[in-house]
Structures are given as C-alpha cells and as structure tokens.
Amino acid sequence: MKIRLLLVDDHQVVRSGLRMLLGGETDVEIVGEAGTAKEALEAVPALKPNIVLMDIGLPDMSGIEATSEIKRLYPEVAVVALTIHEDEEYFFKMLEAGANGYVPKRAAPEELLTAIRAAAIGEVYLYPSLAKLLVKDFLAQDRASGEAAGLDGLTDREQEVLKYLADGANNDEIAEVLVISPKTVARHRENIMRKLNLHSRADLVRYAIRKGIIKP
C-alpha cells in the first residue's frame, strides 16, 4: 500500500524539488500540493493523504496551527514537519500540535524518507540533533521533579497502552493489538494522562523516553 503524501510549502520551487526527490520512490504517491494552510485544510478531506509534509512558515497561518487543526479534524492523518527552523520553540510547539516527525530542510534525503515511512506506520521520528533537545528537556524535568524510577502507579495494562501511545498508535490500532475495545483504550488513556499529569502527546513521549519505555 502506497503512502499518500500531501506537500505543504509556500515556495513552488521547494514543492517541485520534493516531487523530484520523492517521485521515484515506489512506496510514495504525491497526491497534491498546497501553498497555504487554508489550501492544506481543504486538500486533506478532498485528497485523503495519510501523511502531510508540513512547512512551518506559511503565509496565512503557521504550520503549527495548521497541524493542530488537521489533527483535530483528521486525527488519522500524520504530519511530518519539514522546516528551516531548528530551535526549541518551534520544535516543541510542533510536537504539542501533534506532529509525528520533525526534519530540518538541511537534512539528507534519506532522513526525510525515514521520517515519512516512520509516520506512515504510526511511529514518531525526530531528527537526531533535535531529539537531543527532547532528551535534554526531559532530563531537566526529571531532575527538577525528582521522580521515582517506577511508573507512578500505572497498572500493567496502562503501561502497555502508554507504550503504544508514545509510539504514535491511535486508539483503534491499540485496541486491535491488545484485543480490547477502542472505548477501553480511551479510558486507559484518560487514566494515564490524569495519573501522570500529562497534557499532550509531547508530554507523553518525553515521559516514555525518560522511563525507558521507548527510545529517542
């Protein structure tokens, strides 16, 4: 099954370059392009991509806002950021918005393809130099909070659900693997977020890495 990819960047030359770069990949089909957030939000339901390759600097609203809106309306669609921005502010905001990947435009083509393919199977891919920011952030939080080494009162089932959530799986996918209902997964997710005082996927990923549940 091919990865259906929507390119979102306000520069035509960048989109053309991406078409040339990705067009020869047998597992990738570029279903459309958008130069603004508005165009992207209209294209997602019309073209039904499963991956949106998102620039942050768009003319009408930021790629961060566009990502948040896409994930709110179409949670099954994964977003990979492809951007010139490599500072903490943009990086963490994109994760908070629900992005499955973050790749700088200076990255090698292989890195971008790895991120796209990882997002397509529900995984989270972070460019190595940016993953270090995440590691640094959660280590600082760990020292500040003095957390115990345990999993803070999570049941065995909640720990299983936490691992899949941190890996990027949605409720339906987790339900299928664990042979439980999506409603039960949603209830476990609520309990996990409440017990751990987490408020977003980025918080959850930081926690899972800090506890050794997943690797950065």
N, C-alpha and C. Protein backbone atom coordinates (compact mmCIF):
# COMPACT_ATOMS: atom_id res chain seq x y z
N MET A 1 0.84 -1.20 0.00
CA MET A 1 0.00 0.00 0.00
C MET A 1 0.88 1.25 0.00
N LYS A 2 0.61 2.17 -0.94
CA LYS A 2 1.44 3.36 -1.06
C LYS A 2 1.11 4.40 0.01
N ILE A 3 2.14 5.17 0.37
CA ILE A 3 1.95 6.30 1.26
C ILE A 3 1.41 7.46 0.43
N ARG A 4 0.25 7.97 0.81
CA ARG A 4 -0.36 9.09 0.11
C ARG A 4 0.11 10.38 0.79
N LEU A 5 0.87 11.20 0.04
CA LEU A 5 1.58 12.34 0.63
C LEU A 5 1.06 13.66 0.07
N LEU A 6 0.77 14.59 0.97
CA LEU A 6 0.40 15.96 0.59
C LEU A 6 1.56 16.88 0.94
N LEU A 7 2.04 17.66 -0.04
CA LEU A 7 3.15 18.59 0.18
C LEU A 7 2.60 19.97 0.52
N VAL A 8 3.03 20.53 1.65
CA VAL A 8 2.58 21.86 2.05
C VAL A 8 3.79 22.76 2.27
N ASP A 9 3.98 23.70 1.35
CA ASP A 9 5.09 24.66 1.43
C ASP A 9 4.73 25.85 0.56
N ASP A 10 5.03 27.06 1.02
CA ASP A 10 4.62 28.24 0.25
C ASP A 10 5.57 28.56 -0.89
N HIS A 11 6.62 27.78 -1.07
CA HIS A 11 7.56 28.01 -2.17
C HIS A 11 7.40 26.91 -3.22
N GLN A 12 7.01 27.32 -4.43
CA GLN A 12 6.81 26.37 -5.52
C GLN A 12 8.08 25.59 -5.82
N VAL A 13 9.23 26.26 -5.74
CA VAL A 13 10.49 25.59 -6.07
C VAL A 13 10.78 24.47 -5.07
N VAL A 14 10.40 24.67 -3.80
CA VAL A 14 10.60 23.62 -2.79
C VAL A 14 9.69 22.44 -3.10
N ARG A 15 8.42 22.72 -3.42
CA ARG A 15 7.49 21.64 -3.73
C ARG A 15 7.95 20.87 -4.98
N SER A 16 8.45 21.59 -5.98
CA SER A 16 8.96 20.93 -7.19
C SER A 16 10.14 20.03 -6.86
N GLY A 17 11.02 20.53 -5.99
CA GLY A 17 12.18 19.74 -5.58
C GLY A 17 11.78 18.48 -4.83
N LEU A 18 10.76 18.62 -3.99
CA LEU A 18 10.27 17.45 -3.25
C LEU A 18 9.64 16.43 -4.19
N ARG A 19 8.93 16.92 -5.20
CA ARG A 19 8.36 16.00 -6.19
C ARG A 19 9.46 15.21 -6.90
N MET A 20 10.53 15.90 -7.26
CA MET A 20 11.64 15.22 -7.92
C MET A 20 12.31 14.22 -6.99
N LEU A 21 12.44 14.62 -5.73
CA LEU A 21 13.11 13.77 -4.74
C LEU A 21 12.29 12.52 -4.41
N LEU A 22 10.99 12.72 -4.22
CA LEU A 22 10.15 11.63 -3.73
C LEU A 22 9.41 10.88 -4.82
N GLY A 23 9.34 11.48 -6.00
CA GLY A 23 8.55 10.89 -7.08
C GLY A 23 9.02 9.53 -7.54
N GLY A 24 10.30 9.24 -7.34
CA GLY A 24 10.82 7.96 -7.79
C GLY A 24 10.68 6.84 -6.78
N GLU A 25 10.16 7.15 -5.60
CA GLU A 25 10.00 6.14 -4.56
C GLU A 25 8.75 5.30 -4.83
N THR A 26 8.92 4.00 -4.89
CA THR A 26 7.80 3.13 -5.28
C THR A 26 6.70 3.08 -4.23
N ASP A 27 7.03 3.41 -2.97
CA ASP A 27 6.03 3.32 -1.91
C ASP A 27 5.40 4.67 -1.57
N VAL A 28 5.72 5.72 -2.35
CA VAL A 28 5.21 7.06 -2.07
C VAL A 28 4.44 7.59 -3.28
N GLU A 29 3.24 8.09 -3.04
CA GLU A 29 2.45 8.73 -4.09
C GLU A 29 2.12 10.15 -3.63
N ILE A 30 2.58 11.15 -4.37
CA ILE A 30 2.27 12.54 -4.04
C ILE A 30 0.90 12.86 -4.61
N VAL A 31 -0.07 13.03 -3.71
CA VAL A 31 -1.46 13.21 -4.16
C VAL A 31 -1.83 14.68 -4.38
N GLY A 32 -0.99 15.60 -3.91
CA GLY A 32 -1.30 17.01 -4.12
C GLY A 32 -0.33 17.93 -3.42
N GLU A 33 -0.53 19.24 -3.65
CA GLU A 33 0.31 20.27 -3.07
C GLU A 33 -0.57 21.39 -2.51
N ALA A 34 -0.02 22.12 -1.55
CA ALA A 34 -0.70 23.30 -1.02
C ALA A 34 0.36 24.35 -0.69
N GLY A 35 0.03 25.61 -0.98
CA GLY A 35 0.95 26.70 -0.69
C GLY A 35 0.57 27.51 0.53
N THR A 36 -0.61 27.23 1.08
CA THR A 36 -1.08 27.93 2.28
C THR A 36 -1.74 26.92 3.21
N ALA A 37 -1.94 27.34 4.46
CA ALA A 37 -2.63 26.48 5.43
C ALA A 37 -4.07 26.24 5.00
N LYS A 38 -4.71 27.28 4.47
CA LYS A 38 -6.10 27.14 4.01
C LYS A 38 -6.20 26.09 2.92
N GLU A 39 -5.29 26.14 1.96
CA GLU A 39 -5.29 25.15 0.89
C GLU A 39 -5.06 23.74 1.45
N ALA A 40 -4.18 23.65 2.44
CA ALA A 40 -3.89 22.34 3.04
C ALA A 40 -5.12 21.78 3.73
N LEU A 41 -5.82 22.63 4.47
CA LEU A 41 -7.01 22.17 5.20
C LEU A 41 -8.13 21.77 4.25
N GLU A 42 -8.17 22.38 3.07
CA GLU A 42 -9.15 21.98 2.06
C GLU A 42 -8.72 20.71 1.34
N ALA A 43 -7.40 20.54 1.19
CA ALA A 43 -6.89 19.40 0.43
C ALA A 43 -6.98 18.08 1.20
N VAL A 44 -6.85 18.14 2.51
CA VAL A 44 -6.84 16.89 3.29
C VAL A 44 -8.12 16.07 3.09
N PRO A 45 -9.31 16.65 3.28
CA PRO A 45 -10.51 15.83 3.06
C PRO A 45 -10.74 15.48 1.59
N ALA A 46 -10.27 16.34 0.69
CA ALA A 46 -10.50 16.11 -0.74
C ALA A 46 -9.57 15.03 -1.30
N LEU A 47 -8.30 15.04 -0.87
CA LEU A 47 -7.30 14.15 -1.45
C LEU A 47 -7.00 12.92 -0.58
N LYS A 48 -7.41 13.00 0.68
CA LYS A 48 -7.24 11.89 1.62
C LYS A 48 -5.80 11.37 1.70
N PRO A 49 -4.84 12.25 2.00
CA PRO A 49 -3.47 11.76 2.23
C PRO A 49 -3.41 11.07 3.59
N ASN A 50 -2.42 10.20 3.77
CA ASN A 50 -2.20 9.71 5.13
C ASN A 50 -0.98 10.36 5.78
N ILE A 51 -0.21 11.12 4.97
CA ILE A 51 0.89 11.92 5.51
C ILE A 51 0.81 13.33 4.92
N VAL A 52 0.96 14.34 5.77
CA VAL A 52 1.11 15.72 5.31
C VAL A 52 2.52 16.17 5.65
N LEU A 53 3.27 16.57 4.63
CA LEU A 53 4.62 17.11 4.83
C LEU A 53 4.46 18.61 4.96
N MET A 54 4.68 19.13 6.17
CA MET A 54 4.25 20.48 6.54
C MET A 54 5.42 21.44 6.80
N ASP A 55 5.42 22.55 6.06
CA ASP A 55 6.33 23.65 6.37
C ASP A 55 5.74 24.44 7.53
N ILE A 56 6.57 25.10 8.32
CA ILE A 56 6.07 25.91 9.44
C ILE A 56 5.74 27.32 8.99
N GLY A 57 6.57 27.91 8.12
CA GLY A 57 6.38 29.31 7.72
C GLY A 57 5.43 29.47 6.56
N LEU A 58 4.13 29.43 6.82
CA LEU A 58 3.13 29.62 5.78
C LEU A 58 2.56 31.04 5.85
N PRO A 59 2.05 31.58 4.75
CA PRO A 59 1.67 32.99 4.72
C PRO A 59 0.38 33.34 5.47
N ASP A 60 -0.55 32.40 5.60
CA ASP A 60 -1.83 32.75 6.22
C ASP A 60 -1.91 32.36 7.69
N MET A 61 -1.42 31.20 8.04
CA MET A 61 -1.27 30.82 9.44
C MET A 61 -0.07 29.91 9.53
N SER A 62 0.47 29.72 10.71
CA SER A 62 1.68 28.91 10.84
C SER A 62 1.38 27.44 10.59
N GLY A 63 2.42 26.71 10.21
CA GLY A 63 2.28 25.27 10.05
C GLY A 63 1.94 24.60 11.36
N ILE A 64 2.30 25.23 12.47
CA ILE A 64 1.95 24.69 13.79
C ILE A 64 0.44 24.72 13.97
N GLU A 65 -0.17 25.87 13.67
CA GLU A 65 -1.63 26.00 13.78
C GLU A 65 -2.33 25.06 12.80
N ALA A 66 -1.79 24.97 11.58
CA ALA A 66 -2.38 24.10 10.58
C ALA A 66 -2.30 22.63 11.02
N THR A 67 -1.18 22.25 11.60
CA THR A 67 -1.02 20.88 12.11
C THR A 67 -2.04 20.58 13.20
N SER A 68 -2.18 21.50 14.12
CA SER A 68 -3.14 21.33 15.22
C SER A 68 -4.55 21.15 14.68
N GLU A 69 -4.91 21.93 13.66
CA GLU A 69 -6.25 21.86 13.09
C GLU A 69 -6.44 20.55 12.32
N ILE A 70 -5.43 20.13 11.58
CA ILE A 70 -5.51 18.86 10.85
C ILE A 70 -5.70 17.71 11.83
N LYS A 71 -4.91 17.70 12.92
CA LYS A 71 -5.01 16.61 13.88
C LYS A 71 -6.35 16.63 14.62
N ARG A 72 -6.91 17.82 14.79
CA ARG A 72 -8.22 17.91 15.45
C ARG A 72 -9.32 17.35 14.55
N LEU A 73 -9.25 17.72 13.27
CA LEU A 73 -10.30 17.31 12.34
C LEU A 73 -10.08 15.91 11.76
N TYR A 74 -8.82 15.56 11.55
CA TYR A 74 -8.49 14.29 10.89
C TYR A 74 -7.36 13.60 11.68
N PRO A 75 -7.67 13.09 12.85
CA PRO A 75 -6.61 12.54 13.72
C PRO A 75 -5.85 11.37 13.12
N GLU A 76 -6.45 10.71 12.12
CA GLU A 76 -5.78 9.57 11.49
C GLU A 76 -4.66 10.00 10.54
N VAL A 77 -4.62 11.29 10.17
CA VAL A 77 -3.60 11.80 9.25
C VAL A 77 -2.35 12.19 10.03
N ALA A 78 -1.20 11.66 9.63
CA ALA A 78 0.06 12.00 10.29
C ALA A 78 0.68 13.23 9.63
N VAL A 79 1.36 14.04 10.43
CA VAL A 79 2.02 15.24 9.94
C VAL A 79 3.51 15.15 10.24
N VAL A 80 4.32 15.42 9.22
CA VAL A 80 5.77 15.50 9.39
C VAL A 80 6.21 16.92 9.06
N ALA A 81 6.85 17.58 10.00
CA ALA A 81 7.34 18.93 9.76
C ALA A 81 8.64 18.88 8.95
N LEU A 82 8.70 19.69 7.89
CA LEU A 82 9.92 19.87 7.10
C LEU A 82 10.17 21.37 7.06
N THR A 83 11.18 21.84 7.78
CA THR A 83 11.29 23.27 8.05
C THR A 83 12.74 23.72 8.19
N ILE A 84 12.94 25.03 8.03
CA ILE A 84 14.26 25.61 8.27
C ILE A 84 14.49 25.83 9.77
N HIS A 85 13.43 25.80 10.55
CA HIS A 85 13.53 26.13 11.98
C HIS A 85 14.05 24.94 12.78
N GLU A 86 15.12 25.18 13.55
CA GLU A 86 15.69 24.11 14.36
C GLU A 86 15.82 24.51 15.83
N ASP A 87 15.08 25.53 16.23
CA ASP A 87 15.17 25.96 17.62
C ASP A 87 14.08 25.29 18.46
N GLU A 88 14.26 25.33 19.78
CA GLU A 88 13.38 24.61 20.69
C GLU A 88 11.92 25.07 20.59
N GLU A 89 11.71 26.36 20.41
CA GLU A 89 10.35 26.89 20.42
C GLU A 89 9.48 26.22 19.36
N TYR A 90 9.96 26.22 18.11
CA TYR A 90 9.18 25.63 17.03
C TYR A 90 9.09 24.11 17.18
N PHE A 91 10.19 23.51 17.59
CA PHE A 91 10.24 22.06 17.73
C PHE A 91 9.19 21.55 18.72
N PHE A 92 9.17 22.13 19.90
CA PHE A 92 8.23 21.66 20.92
C PHE A 92 6.79 22.03 20.57
N LYS A 93 6.59 23.16 19.93
CA LYS A 93 5.23 23.54 19.55
C LYS A 93 4.66 22.60 18.49
N MET A 94 5.51 22.14 17.57
CA MET A 94 5.03 21.19 16.57
C MET A 94 4.67 19.85 17.21
N LEU A 95 5.48 19.43 18.18
CA LEU A 95 5.14 18.19 18.89
C LEU A 95 3.83 18.35 19.66
N GLU A 96 3.68 19.50 20.30
CA GLU A 96 2.43 19.77 21.03
C GLU A 96 1.24 19.74 20.09
N ALA A 97 1.44 20.21 18.86
CA ALA A 97 0.35 20.26 17.89
C ALA A 97 -0.01 18.87 17.36
N GLY A 98 0.86 17.89 17.59
CA GLY A 98 0.55 16.52 17.20
C GLY A 98 1.39 15.96 16.07
N ALA A 99 2.48 16.64 15.69
CA ALA A 99 3.32 16.14 14.60
C ALA A 99 3.96 14.80 14.94
N ASN A 100 4.06 13.93 13.96
CA ASN A 100 4.71 12.63 14.13
C ASN A 100 6.20 12.67 13.77
N GLY A 101 6.63 13.76 13.19
CA GLY A 101 8.03 13.85 12.81
C GLY A 101 8.47 15.30 12.65
N TYR A 102 9.77 15.52 12.76
CA TYR A 102 10.33 16.87 12.63
C TYR A 102 11.68 16.74 11.95
N VAL A 103 11.80 17.29 10.74
CA VAL A 103 13.02 17.17 9.94
C VAL A 103 13.42 18.55 9.41
N PRO A 104 14.67 18.98 9.62
CA PRO A 104 15.10 20.26 9.05
C PRO A 104 15.35 20.13 7.55
N LYS A 105 15.20 21.24 6.82
CA LYS A 105 15.37 21.20 5.37
C LYS A 105 16.80 20.90 4.94
N ARG A 106 17.74 21.05 5.85
CA ARG A 106 19.14 20.73 5.52
C ARG A 106 19.42 19.23 5.61
N ALA A 107 18.45 18.45 6.09
CA ALA A 107 18.67 17.02 6.29
C ALA A 107 18.89 16.30 4.96
N ALA A 108 19.55 15.16 5.04
CA ALA A 108 19.75 14.33 3.85
C ALA A 108 18.42 13.74 3.41
N PRO A 109 18.26 13.49 2.10
CA PRO A 109 17.00 12.91 1.62
C PRO A 109 16.61 11.62 2.35
N GLU A 110 17.61 10.82 2.73
CA GLU A 110 17.32 9.57 3.42
C GLU A 110 16.64 9.81 4.76
N GLU A 111 17.02 10.91 5.41
CA GLU A 111 16.40 11.24 6.70
C GLU A 111 14.91 11.58 6.51
N LEU A 112 14.62 12.34 5.47
CA LEU A 112 13.23 12.70 5.19
C LEU A 112 12.40 11.47 4.87
N LEU A 113 12.94 10.59 4.05
CA LEU A 113 12.22 9.37 3.70
C LEU A 113 12.00 8.48 4.92
N THR A 114 12.99 8.43 5.80
CA THR A 114 12.84 7.65 7.03
C THR A 114 11.71 8.22 7.88
N ALA A 115 11.64 9.54 7.98
CA ALA A 115 10.60 10.19 8.77
C ALA A 115 9.22 9.91 8.18
N ILE A 116 9.10 10.01 6.87
CA ILE A 116 7.81 9.77 6.20
C ILE A 116 7.36 8.33 6.41
N ARG A 117 8.27 7.40 6.23
CA ARG A 117 7.91 5.98 6.38
C ARG A 117 7.60 5.64 7.84
N ALA A 118 8.30 6.26 8.77
CA ALA A 118 8.01 6.03 10.18
C ALA A 118 6.62 6.55 10.53
N ALA A 119 6.31 7.76 10.08
CA ALA A 119 4.99 8.35 10.36
C ALA A 119 3.87 7.52 9.75
N ALA A 120 4.14 6.91 8.59
CA ALA A 120 3.12 6.13 7.89
C ALA A 120 2.70 4.90 8.68
N ILE A 121 3.57 4.39 9.56
CA ILE A 121 3.21 3.23 10.38
C ILE A 121 2.96 3.64 11.83
N GLY A 122 2.74 4.95 12.03
CA GLY A 122 2.34 5.43 13.35
C GLY A 122 3.46 5.70 14.32
N GLU A 123 4.71 5.70 13.84
CA GLU A 123 5.83 5.97 14.72
C GLU A 123 6.16 7.46 14.72
N VAL A 124 6.96 7.86 15.70
CA VAL A 124 7.41 9.25 15.80
C VAL A 124 8.88 9.29 15.40
N TYR A 125 9.22 10.18 14.45
CA TYR A 125 10.61 10.32 14.03
C TYR A 125 11.09 11.74 14.29
N LEU A 126 12.20 11.85 15.00
CA LEU A 126 12.78 13.16 15.29
C LEU A 126 14.22 13.18 14.77
N TYR A 127 14.56 14.22 14.02
CA TYR A 127 15.93 14.36 13.51
C TYR A 127 16.90 14.32 14.70
N PRO A 128 18.02 13.57 14.58
CA PRO A 128 18.88 13.33 15.74
C PRO A 128 19.27 14.56 16.55
N SER A 129 19.67 15.65 15.89
CA SER A 129 20.09 16.83 16.65
C SER A 129 18.93 17.43 17.42
N LEU A 130 17.70 17.27 16.90
CA LEU A 130 16.53 17.80 17.59
C LEU A 130 16.05 16.85 18.67
N ALA A 131 16.25 15.56 18.47
CA ALA A 131 15.90 14.60 19.52
C ALA A 131 16.70 14.90 20.79
N LYS A 132 17.91 15.43 20.60
CA LYS A 132 18.73 15.78 21.77
C LYS A 132 18.05 16.86 22.61
N LEU A 133 17.32 17.77 21.94
CA LEU A 133 16.59 18.79 22.69
C LEU A 133 15.54 18.16 23.58
N LEU A 134 14.88 17.13 23.05
CA LEU A 134 13.85 16.43 23.82
C LEU A 134 14.48 15.71 25.01
N VAL A 135 15.61 15.04 24.76
CA VAL A 135 16.31 14.35 25.85
C VAL A 135 16.75 15.35 26.92
N LYS A 136 17.32 16.46 26.49
CA LYS A 136 17.76 17.49 27.42
C LYS A 136 16.59 18.02 28.24
N ASP A 137 15.46 18.22 27.57
CA ASP A 137 14.27 18.75 28.23
C ASP A 137 13.75 17.80 29.29
N PHE A 138 13.61 16.50 28.94
CA PHE A 138 13.03 15.61 29.94
C PHE A 138 14.00 15.31 31.07
N LEU A 139 15.32 15.34 30.78
CA LEU A 139 16.28 15.15 31.87
C LEU A 139 16.21 16.31 32.86
N ALA A 140 16.04 17.53 32.32
CA ALA A 140 15.90 18.70 33.19
C ALA A 140 14.63 18.58 34.03
N GLN A 141 13.55 18.14 33.41
CA GLN A 141 12.30 17.96 34.15
C GLN A 141 12.44 16.87 35.21
N ASP A 142 13.17 15.83 34.86
CA ASP A 142 13.36 14.71 35.78
C ASP A 142 14.11 15.16 37.03
N ARG A 143 15.19 15.94 36.82
CA ARG A 143 15.96 16.44 37.96
C ARG A 143 15.12 17.38 38.81
N ALA A 144 14.33 18.22 38.14
CA ALA A 144 13.52 19.21 38.86
C ALA A 144 12.42 18.54 39.68
N SER A 145 11.85 17.48 39.16
CA SER A 145 10.71 16.86 39.84
C SER A 145 11.13 15.75 40.80
N GLY A 146 12.36 15.23 40.60
CA GLY A 146 12.82 14.16 41.47
C GLY A 146 11.95 12.92 41.39
N GLU A 147 11.50 12.58 40.18
CA GLU A 147 10.59 11.45 40.01
C GLU A 147 11.25 10.14 40.41
N ALA A 148 10.44 9.24 40.95
CA ALA A 148 10.90 7.90 41.28
C ALA A 148 11.09 7.11 39.99
N ALA A 149 11.80 5.99 40.09
CA ALA A 149 12.10 5.20 38.91
C ALA A 149 10.90 4.40 38.42
N GLY A 150 9.89 4.25 39.24
CA GLY A 150 8.73 3.45 38.87
C GLY A 150 7.86 4.16 37.85
N LEU A 151 6.72 3.56 37.56
CA LEU A 151 5.82 4.11 36.56
C LEU A 151 4.61 4.77 37.21
N ASP A 152 4.83 5.34 38.39
CA ASP A 152 3.88 6.26 39.02
C ASP A 152 2.47 5.69 39.13
N GLY A 153 2.39 4.45 39.56
CA GLY A 153 1.08 3.88 39.86
C GLY A 153 0.29 3.38 38.68
N LEU A 154 0.89 3.28 37.51
CA LEU A 154 0.17 2.76 36.35
C LEU A 154 -0.01 1.25 36.48
N THR A 155 -1.16 0.76 36.07
CA THR A 155 -1.37 -0.68 36.04
C THR A 155 -0.58 -1.27 34.87
N ASP A 156 -0.46 -2.60 34.84
CA ASP A 156 0.25 -3.26 33.74
C ASP A 156 -0.40 -2.92 32.40
N ARG A 157 -1.74 -2.93 32.36
CA ARG A 157 -2.44 -2.62 31.12
C ARG A 157 -2.20 -1.17 30.70
N GLU A 158 -2.20 -0.24 31.67
CA GLU A 158 -1.95 1.17 31.36
C GLU A 158 -0.54 1.36 30.83
N GLN A 159 0.42 0.58 31.36
CA GLN A 159 1.79 0.66 30.84
C GLN A 159 1.85 0.19 29.39
N GLU A 160 1.11 -0.87 29.07
CA GLU A 160 1.06 -1.33 27.68
C GLU A 160 0.49 -0.25 26.77
N VAL A 161 -0.63 0.33 27.19
CA VAL A 161 -1.28 1.37 26.39
C VAL A 161 -0.35 2.57 26.24
N LEU A 162 0.34 2.93 27.31
CA LEU A 162 1.27 4.06 27.27
C LEU A 162 2.34 3.85 26.21
N LYS A 163 2.90 2.66 26.14
CA LYS A 163 3.95 2.38 25.16
C LYS A 163 3.43 2.58 23.74
N TYR A 164 2.25 2.05 23.46
CA TYR A 164 1.70 2.19 22.11
C TYR A 164 1.36 3.65 21.79
N LEU A 165 0.83 4.37 22.77
CA LEU A 165 0.52 5.79 22.57
C LEU A 165 1.78 6.57 22.25
N ALA A 166 2.84 6.32 23.02
CA ALA A 166 4.09 7.04 22.82
C ALA A 166 4.71 6.71 21.47
N ASP A 167 4.43 5.51 20.96
CA ASP A 167 4.93 5.12 19.64
C ASP A 167 4.10 5.71 18.51
N GLY A 168 2.99 6.40 18.86
CA GLY A 168 2.20 7.07 17.84
C GLY A 168 0.94 6.34 17.42
N ALA A 169 0.63 5.20 18.06
CA ALA A 169 -0.56 4.44 17.68
C ALA A 169 -1.83 5.17 18.12
N ASN A 170 -2.91 5.00 17.36
CA ASN A 170 -4.19 5.59 17.77
C ASN A 170 -5.02 4.56 18.54
N ASN A 171 -6.17 4.99 19.03
CA ASN A 171 -6.99 4.12 19.88
C ASN A 171 -7.40 2.83 19.18
N ASP A 172 -7.82 2.94 17.92
CA ASP A 172 -8.26 1.75 17.18
C ASP A 172 -7.13 0.74 17.00
N GLU A 173 -5.93 1.25 16.69
CA GLU A 173 -4.79 0.37 16.48
C GLU A 173 -4.41 -0.35 17.78
N ILE A 174 -4.42 0.40 18.88
CA ILE A 174 -4.09 -0.19 20.19
C ILE A 174 -5.13 -1.24 20.57
N ALA A 175 -6.40 -0.92 20.32
CA ALA A 175 -7.48 -1.85 20.65
C ALA A 175 -7.31 -3.17 19.90
N GLU A 176 -6.91 -3.08 18.63
CA GLU A 176 -6.74 -4.29 17.82
C GLU A 176 -5.60 -5.14 18.36
N VAL A 177 -4.48 -4.51 18.72
CA VAL A 177 -3.32 -5.25 19.20
C VAL A 177 -3.60 -5.89 20.56
N LEU A 178 -4.25 -5.16 21.45
CA LEU A 178 -4.49 -5.65 22.81
C LEU A 178 -5.80 -6.42 22.95
N VAL A 179 -6.55 -6.49 21.87
CA VAL A 179 -7.84 -7.20 21.84
C VAL A 179 -8.78 -6.65 22.91
N ILE A 180 -8.94 -5.34 22.90
CA ILE A 180 -9.90 -4.66 23.76
C ILE A 180 -10.63 -3.64 22.89
N SER A 181 -11.65 -3.00 23.43
CA SER A 181 -12.42 -2.05 22.63
C SER A 181 -11.73 -0.69 22.60
N PRO A 182 -11.93 0.11 21.54
CA PRO A 182 -11.38 1.47 21.49
C PRO A 182 -11.84 2.32 22.68
N LYS A 183 -13.07 2.08 23.17
CA LYS A 183 -13.55 2.83 24.33
C LYS A 183 -12.73 2.51 25.57
N THR A 184 -12.33 1.26 25.69
CA THR A 184 -11.49 0.87 26.83
C THR A 184 -10.11 1.52 26.72
N VAL A 185 -9.58 1.57 25.49
CA VAL A 185 -8.29 2.24 25.27
C VAL A 185 -8.40 3.72 25.66
N ALA A 186 -9.49 4.36 25.25
CA ALA A 186 -9.70 5.78 25.56
C ALA A 186 -9.75 5.99 27.07
N ARG A 187 -10.41 5.07 27.77
CA ARG A 187 -10.48 5.19 29.24
C ARG A 187 -9.11 5.03 29.87
N HIS A 188 -8.33 4.05 29.37
CA HIS A 188 -6.96 3.88 29.88
C HIS A 188 -6.13 5.14 29.60
N ARG A 189 -6.31 5.69 28.42
CA ARG A 189 -5.56 6.90 28.06
C ARG A 189 -5.88 8.05 29.01
N GLU A 190 -7.15 8.24 29.29
CA GLU A 190 -7.55 9.29 30.24
C GLU A 190 -6.92 9.06 31.61
N ASN A 191 -6.93 7.81 32.06
CA ASN A 191 -6.35 7.49 33.37
C ASN A 191 -4.85 7.75 33.39
N ILE A 192 -4.17 7.39 32.29
CA ILE A 192 -2.72 7.61 32.19
C ILE A 192 -2.40 9.10 32.27
N MET A 193 -3.10 9.89 31.46
CA MET A 193 -2.83 11.33 31.44
C MET A 193 -3.11 11.96 32.80
N ARG A 194 -4.19 11.48 33.45
CA ARG A 194 -4.55 12.03 34.77
C ARG A 194 -3.51 11.65 35.83
N LYS A 195 -3.15 10.36 35.87
CA LYS A 195 -2.19 9.89 36.87
C LYS A 195 -0.83 10.54 36.73
N LEU A 196 -0.41 10.75 35.48
CA LEU A 196 0.93 11.29 35.23
C LEU A 196 0.94 12.80 35.09
N ASN A 197 -0.25 13.40 35.12
CA ASN A 197 -0.37 14.86 34.95
C ASN A 197 0.24 15.30 33.63
N LEU A 198 -0.10 14.59 32.56
CA LEU A 198 0.36 14.92 31.22
C LEU A 198 -0.79 15.56 30.45
N HIS A 199 -0.42 16.41 29.48
CA HIS A 199 -1.46 17.18 28.79
C HIS A 199 -1.38 17.11 27.26
N SER A 200 -0.38 16.42 26.72
CA SER A 200 -0.23 16.38 25.27
C SER A 200 0.60 15.18 24.88
N ARG A 201 0.61 14.88 23.56
CA ARG A 201 1.45 13.78 23.06
C ARG A 201 2.93 14.05 23.34
N ALA A 202 3.36 15.32 23.23
CA ALA A 202 4.77 15.63 23.50
C ALA A 202 5.13 15.30 24.95
N ASP A 203 4.24 15.64 25.89
CA ASP A 203 4.47 15.29 27.29
C ASP A 203 4.59 13.78 27.45
N LEU A 204 3.70 13.06 26.76
CA LEU A 204 3.66 11.62 26.88
C LEU A 204 4.93 10.99 26.32
N VAL A 205 5.41 11.50 25.17
CA VAL A 205 6.64 10.97 24.57
C VAL A 205 7.83 11.24 25.48
N ARG A 206 7.91 12.45 26.04
CA ARG A 206 9.01 12.77 26.97
C ARG A 206 9.01 11.79 28.14
N TYR A 207 7.85 11.58 28.71
CA TYR A 207 7.73 10.68 29.86
C TYR A 207 8.17 9.27 29.49
N ALA A 208 7.69 8.78 28.33
CA ALA A 208 8.00 7.41 27.92
C ALA A 208 9.50 7.23 27.68
N ILE A 209 10.16 8.23 27.12
CA ILE A 209 11.61 8.15 26.91
C ILE A 209 12.34 8.18 28.25
N ARG A 210 11.90 9.08 29.11
CA ARG A 210 12.54 9.23 30.43
C ARG A 210 12.48 7.94 31.22
N LYS A 211 11.38 7.21 31.09
CA LYS A 211 11.20 5.97 31.84
C LYS A 211 11.74 4.75 31.10
N GLY A 212 12.31 4.96 29.91
CA GLY A 212 12.88 3.85 29.16
C GLY A 212 11.85 2.97 28.47
N ILE A 213 10.61 3.47 28.33
CA ILE A 213 9.55 2.71 27.66
C ILE A 213 9.78 2.68 26.17
N ILE A 214 10.22 3.82 25.60
CA ILE A 214 10.63 3.89 24.21
C ILE A 214 11.99 4.58 24.15
N LYS A 215 12.65 4.42 23.02
CA LYS A 215 13.98 5.01 22.84
C LYS A 215 13.87 6.24 21.96
N PRO A 216 14.60 7.32 22.26
CA PRO A 216 14.54 8.52 21.41
C PRO A 216 15.23 8.27 20.07
